[in-house]
C-alpha atoms as a PDB file:
ATOM      1  CA  MET A   1       0.000   0.000   0.000  1.00  0.00           C
ATOM      2  CA  VAL A   2       1.267   3.471  -0.833  1.00  0.00           C
ATOM      3  CA  GLU A   3       0.355   6.923   0.360  1.00  0.00           C
ATOM      4  CA  LEU A   4       1.008  10.413  -0.939  1.00  0.00           C
ATOM      5  CA  ILE A   5       2.706  12.910   1.354  1.00  0.00           C
ATOM      6  CA  LYS A   6       3.212  16.564   0.435  1.00  0.00           C
ATOM      7  CA  MET A   7       6.780  17.276  -0.649  1.00  0.00           C
ATOM      8  CA  SER A   8       8.874  19.441   1.707  1.00  0.00           C
ATOM      9  CA  GLU A   9      10.480  22.739   0.669  1.00  0.00           C
ATOM     10  CA  GLU A  10      13.934  21.229   1.192  1.00  0.00           C
ATOM     11  CA  GLU A  11      13.156  18.300  -1.060  1.00  0.00           C
ATOM     12  CA  PHE A  12      11.555  20.596  -3.637  1.00  0.00           C
ATOM     13  CA  LYS A  13      14.867  22.404  -4.182  1.00  0.00           C
ATOM     14  CA  ASP A  14      16.603  19.110  -4.997  1.00  0.00           C
ATOM     15  CA  TYR A  15      13.676  17.906  -7.103  1.00  0.00           C
ATOM     16  CA  LYS A  16      13.568  21.124  -9.139  1.00  0.00           C
ATOM     17  CA  ALA A  17      17.296  20.875  -9.912  1.00  0.00           C
ATOM     18  CA  PHE A  18      16.864  17.206 -10.863  1.00  0.00           C
ATOM     19  CA  CYS A  19      13.867  17.982 -13.108  1.00  0.00           C
ATOM     20  CA  ILE A  20      15.715  20.730 -14.951  1.00  0.00           C
ATOM     21  CA  GLU A  21      18.660  18.430 -15.672  1.00  0.00           C
ATOM     22  CA  ASN A  22      16.521  15.386 -16.483  1.00  0.00           C
ATOM     23  CA  TYR A  23      14.154  17.286 -18.792  1.00  0.00           C
ATOM     24  CA  ALA A  24      17.114  18.834 -20.596  1.00  0.00           C
ATOM     25  CA  GLN A  25      18.450  15.321 -21.272  1.00  0.00           C
ATOM     26  CA  VAL A  26      15.012  14.247 -22.553  1.00  0.00           C
ATOM     27  CA  LEU A  27      14.970  17.225 -24.946  1.00  0.00           C
ATOM     28  CA  VAL A  28      18.452  16.352 -26.223  1.00  0.00           C
ATOM     29  CA  ARG A  29      17.476  12.698 -26.830  1.00  0.00           C
ATOM     30  CA  ASN A  30      14.042  13.260 -28.315  1.00  0.00           C
ATOM     31  CA  LEU A  31      14.207  16.676 -30.001  1.00  0.00           C
ATOM     32  CA  LYS A  32      17.931  16.730 -30.833  1.00  0.00           C
ATOM     33  CA  MET A  33      18.458  20.062 -29.059  1.00  0.00           C
ATOM     34  CA  SER A  34      21.948  21.103 -28.060  1.00  0.00           C
ATOM     35  CA  ILE A  35      22.564  20.637 -24.336  1.00  0.00           C
ATOM     36  CA  ASP A  36      22.768  24.421 -23.865  1.00  0.00           C
ATOM     37  CA  GLU A  37      19.467  25.048 -25.662  1.00  0.00           C
ATOM     38  CA  ALA A  38      17.816  22.172 -23.796  1.00  0.00           C
ATOM     39  CA  ALA A  39      19.066  23.396 -20.409  1.00  0.00           C
ATOM     40  CA  ASP A  40      17.786  26.912 -21.129  1.00  0.00           C
ATOM     41  CA  THR A  41      14.410  25.596 -22.300  1.00  0.00           C
ATOM     42  CA  SER A  42      14.101  23.328 -19.277  1.00  0.00           C
ATOM     43  CA  LYS A  43      14.908  26.128 -16.797  1.00  0.00           C
ATOM     44  CA  ARG A  44      12.440  28.501 -18.461  1.00  0.00           C
ATOM     45  CA  GLN A  45       9.623  25.957 -18.492  1.00  0.00           C
ATOM     46  CA  MET A  46      10.170  24.886 -14.887  1.00  0.00           C
ATOM     47  CA  SER A  47      10.202  28.511 -13.707  1.00  0.00           C
ATOM     48  CA  SER A  48       7.043  29.243 -15.675  1.00  0.00           C
ATOM     49  CA  LEU A  49       5.122  26.174 -14.507  1.00  0.00           C
ATOM     50  CA  LEU A  50       6.078  26.383 -10.839  1.00  0.00           C
ATOM     51  CA  LYS A  51       6.485  30.149 -10.481  1.00  0.00           C
ATOM     52  CA  ASP A  52       5.531  29.999  -6.790  1.00  0.00           C
ATOM     53  CA  GLY A  53       7.345  26.731  -6.076  1.00  0.00           C
ATOM     54  CA  LEU A  54       5.343  24.314  -3.953  1.00  0.00           C
ATOM     55  CA  ASN A  55       2.727  27.034  -3.462  1.00  0.00           C
ATOM     56  CA  THR A  56       1.894  27.338  -7.165  1.00  0.00           C
ATOM     57  CA  LYS A  57      -1.886  27.262  -7.467  1.00  0.00           C
ATOM     58  CA  GLY A  58      -3.250  23.956  -8.748  1.00  0.00           C
ATOM     59  CA  HIS A  59       0.094  22.124  -8.631  1.00  0.00           C
ATOM     60  CA  PHE A  60       0.714  19.268  -6.213  1.00  0.00           C
ATOM     61  CA  LEU A  61       4.053  17.538  -5.605  1.00  0.00           C
ATOM     62  CA  PHE A  62       4.121  14.462  -3.423  1.00  0.00           C
ATOM     63  CA  ASP A  63       6.413  11.804  -2.077  1.00  0.00           C
ATOM     64  CA  VAL A  64       5.140   8.286  -2.678  1.00  0.00           C
ATOM     65  CA  VAL A  65       5.813   6.296   0.482  1.00  0.00           C
ATOM     66  CA  GLU A  66       5.168   2.727   1.546  1.00  0.00           C
ATOM     67  CA  LYS A  67       2.406   3.033   4.125  1.00  0.00           C
ATOM     68  CA  GLU A  68       3.900   0.597   6.643  1.00  0.00           C
ATOM     69  CA  THR A  69       7.625   1.342   6.400  1.00  0.00           C
ATOM     70  CA  LYS A  70       7.335   5.040   5.391  1.00  0.00           C
ATOM     71  CA  GLU A  71      10.096   4.368   2.861  1.00  0.00           C
ATOM     72  CA  LYS A  72      10.071   6.865   0.000  1.00  0.00           C
ATOM     73  CA  MET A  73       9.598   5.230  -3.419  1.00  0.00           C
ATOM     74  CA  GLY A  74       9.001   8.049  -5.852  1.00  0.00           C
ATOM     75  CA  ILE A  75       7.503  11.403  -6.739  1.00  0.00           C
ATOM     76  CA  PRO A  76       4.446  12.509  -8.717  1.00  0.00           C
ATOM     77  CA  TRP A  77       3.810  16.110  -9.819  1.00  0.00           C
ATOM     78  CA  ILE A  78       0.281  16.876 -10.928  1.00  0.00           C
ATOM     79  CA  ASN A  79      -1.796  19.895 -11.851  1.00  0.00           C
ATOM     80  CA  VAL A  80      -5.525  20.189 -11.280  1.00  0.00           C
ATOM     81  CA  ASN A  81      -7.467  22.772 -13.254  1.00  0.00           C
ATOM     82  CA  ASP A  82     -11.200  22.513 -12.676  1.00  0.00           C
ATOM     83  CA  LYS A  83     -12.272  19.060 -13.891  1.00  0.00           C
ATOM     84  CA  ARG A  84      -9.021  18.268 -15.712  1.00  0.00           C
ATOM     85  CA  ALA A  85      -5.798  17.007 -14.202  1.00  0.00           C
ATOM     86  CA  PHE A  86      -2.399  16.621 -15.799  1.00  0.00           C
ATOM     87  CA  ILE A  87       0.553  14.530 -14.653  1.00  0.00           C
ATOM     88  CA  TYR A  88       3.704  16.552 -15.290  1.00  0.00           C
ATOM     89  CA  ASP A  89       6.025  13.984 -13.799  1.00  0.00           C
ATOM     90  CA  ILE A  90       5.777  10.644 -12.143  1.00  0.00           C
ATOM     91  CA  ARG A  91       8.806   8.656 -11.207  1.00  0.00           C
ATOM     92  CA  ILE A  92       9.313   5.539  -9.184  1.00  0.00           C
ATOM     93  CA  ASP A  93      12.832   4.962  -7.871  1.00  0.00           C
ATOM     94  CA  GLU A  94      14.627   2.332  -9.908  1.00  0.00           C
ATOM     95  CA  LYS A  95      14.829  -0.277  -7.154  1.00  0.00           C
ATOM     96  CA  TYR A  96      11.004  -0.263  -6.858  1.00  0.00           C
ATOM     97  CA  ARG A  97      10.201  -0.471 -10.561  1.00  0.00           C
ATOM     98  CA  GLY A  98       8.472  -3.558 -11.917  1.00  0.00           C
ATOM     99  CA  LYS A  99       6.912  -4.335  -8.520  1.00  0.00           C
ATOM    100  CA  GLY A 100       3.514  -2.697  -8.944  1.00  0.00           C
ATOM    101  CA  TYR A 101       4.325   0.612  -7.269  1.00  0.00           C
ATOM    102  CA  GLY A 102       3.681   2.574 -10.469  1.00  0.00           C
ATOM    103  CA  LYS A 103       0.168   1.113 -10.679  1.00  0.00           C
ATOM    104  CA  ARG A 104      -0.492   1.721  -7.000  1.00  0.00           C
ATOM    105  CA  THR A 105       0.769   5.305  -7.321  1.00  0.00           C
ATOM    106  CA  LEU A 106      -1.496   5.984 -10.306  1.00  0.00           C
ATOM    107  CA  ASN A 107      -4.457   4.523  -8.408  1.00  0.00           C
ATOM    108  CA  LYS A 108      -3.679   6.719  -5.386  1.00  0.00           C
ATOM    109  CA  LEU A 109      -3.399   9.777  -7.635  1.00  0.00           C
ATOM    110  CA  GLU A 110      -6.788   8.976  -9.163  1.00  0.00           C
ATOM    111  CA  GLU A 111      -8.327   8.812  -5.665  1.00  0.00           C
ATOM    112  CA  PHE A 112      -6.822  12.211  -4.824  1.00  0.00           C
ATOM    113  CA  LEU A 113      -7.989  13.720  -8.111  1.00  0.00           C
ATOM    114  CA  ARG A 114     -11.545  12.410  -7.677  1.00  0.00           C
ATOM    115  CA  GLU A 115     -11.626  14.096  -4.266  1.00  0.00           C
ATOM    116  CA  MET A 116     -10.448  17.323  -5.968  1.00  0.00           C
ATOM    117  CA  GLY A 117     -13.364  17.050  -8.418  1.00  0.00           C
ATOM    118  CA  ALA A 118     -11.311  16.110 -11.479  1.00  0.00           C
ATOM    119  CA  LYS A 119     -13.059  14.017 -14.117  1.00  0.00           C
ATOM    120  CA  TYR A 120     -10.191  13.596 -16.605  1.00  0.00           C
ATOM    121  CA  ILE A 121      -6.474  12.983 -16.299  1.00  0.00           C
ATOM    122  CA  GLY A 122      -3.848  13.405 -18.988  1.00  0.00           C
ATOM    123  CA  LEU A 123      -0.116  13.183 -19.461  1.00  0.00           C
ATOM    124  CA  ASN A 124       2.529  13.369 -22.142  1.00  0.00           C
ATOM    125  CA  ILE A 125       5.014  10.602 -22.712  1.00  0.00           C
ATOM    126  CA  TRP A 126       8.203  10.688 -24.738  1.00  0.00           C
ATOM    127  CA  ALA A 127       8.619   8.060 -27.443  1.00  0.00           C
ATOM    128  CA  ASP A 128      11.744   6.599 -25.821  1.00  0.00           C
ATOM    129  CA  ASN A 129       9.857   5.734 -22.596  1.00  0.00           C
ATOM    130  CA  LYS A 130       8.318   2.454 -23.741  1.00  0.00           C
ATOM    131  CA  ILE A 131       7.988   0.894 -20.274  1.00  0.00           C
ATOM    132  CA  ALA A 132       5.889   3.809 -19.005  1.00  0.00           C
ATOM    133  CA  PHE A 133       3.817   3.743 -22.190  1.00  0.00           C
ATOM    134  CA  GLU A 134       2.905   0.096 -21.531  1.00  0.00           C
ATOM    135  CA  LEU A 135       2.038   0.855 -17.910  1.00  0.00           C
ATOM    136  CA  TYR A 136      -0.296   3.698 -18.908  1.00  0.00           C
ATOM    137  CA  LYS A 137      -2.003   1.466 -21.497  1.00  0.00           C
ATOM    138  CA  LYS A 138      -2.592  -1.198 -18.818  1.00  0.00           C
ATOM    139  CA  MET A 139      -4.033   1.477 -16.538  1.00  0.00           C
ATOM    140  CA  GLY A 140      -6.625   2.532 -19.121  1.00  0.00           C
ATOM    141  CA  TYR A 141      -4.980   5.574 -20.676  1.00  0.00           C
ATOM    142  CA  THR A 142      -5.596   5.995 -24.402  1.00  0.00           C
ATOM    143  CA  ILE A 143      -3.745   8.010 -27.021  1.00  0.00           C
ATOM    144  CA  SER A 144      -5.441  11.365 -27.547  1.00  0.00           C
ATOM    145  CA  ASN A 145      -2.884  12.998 -29.836  1.00  0.00           C
ATOM    146  CA  MET A 146       0.587  12.401 -31.264  1.00  0.00           C
ATOM    147  CA  ALA A 147       3.470  14.660 -32.138  1.00  0.00           C
ATOM    148  CA  MET A 148       6.066  13.575 -34.668  1.00  0.00           C
ATOM    149  CA  PHE A 149       9.595  14.769 -35.317  1.00  0.00           C
ATOM    150  CA  LYS A 150      12.031  14.402 -38.203  1.00  0.00           C
ATOM    151  CA  GLU A 151      15.613  15.502 -38.450  1.00  0.00           C
ATOM    152  CA  ILE A 152      16.440  17.085 -41.840  1.00  0.00           C
END
């Protein structure tokens, strides 16, 4: 069993730095940006999305913890805007992957979002993240749009 606990300010600083670096690497791999361009883009987007940090209206950042042991297993970042929710990031620490914690985390997020009045949940997934794609399919997510890219 997992539970969601609000992320601390201290942890948010580390998470924000990690997200900027990680997203920059995703942009390099998937959109062939230079590392400098990707880092700049990542910093700008993170600052725009979470302009008030953990207090940004409609954004929720949690620690996923095992209910009994209180061991931290991952982090989801979601946004709720009226009846629509969006998962900006969800990550399960590597040592817990493949053990059902991703499914349990998604189920717990859905409970939270229902309580918030959300009726729909969306996310974007990069083409190189095939394991997550399969998990989302199993959890009932369907493709609503696709973006394509070609290097010329």
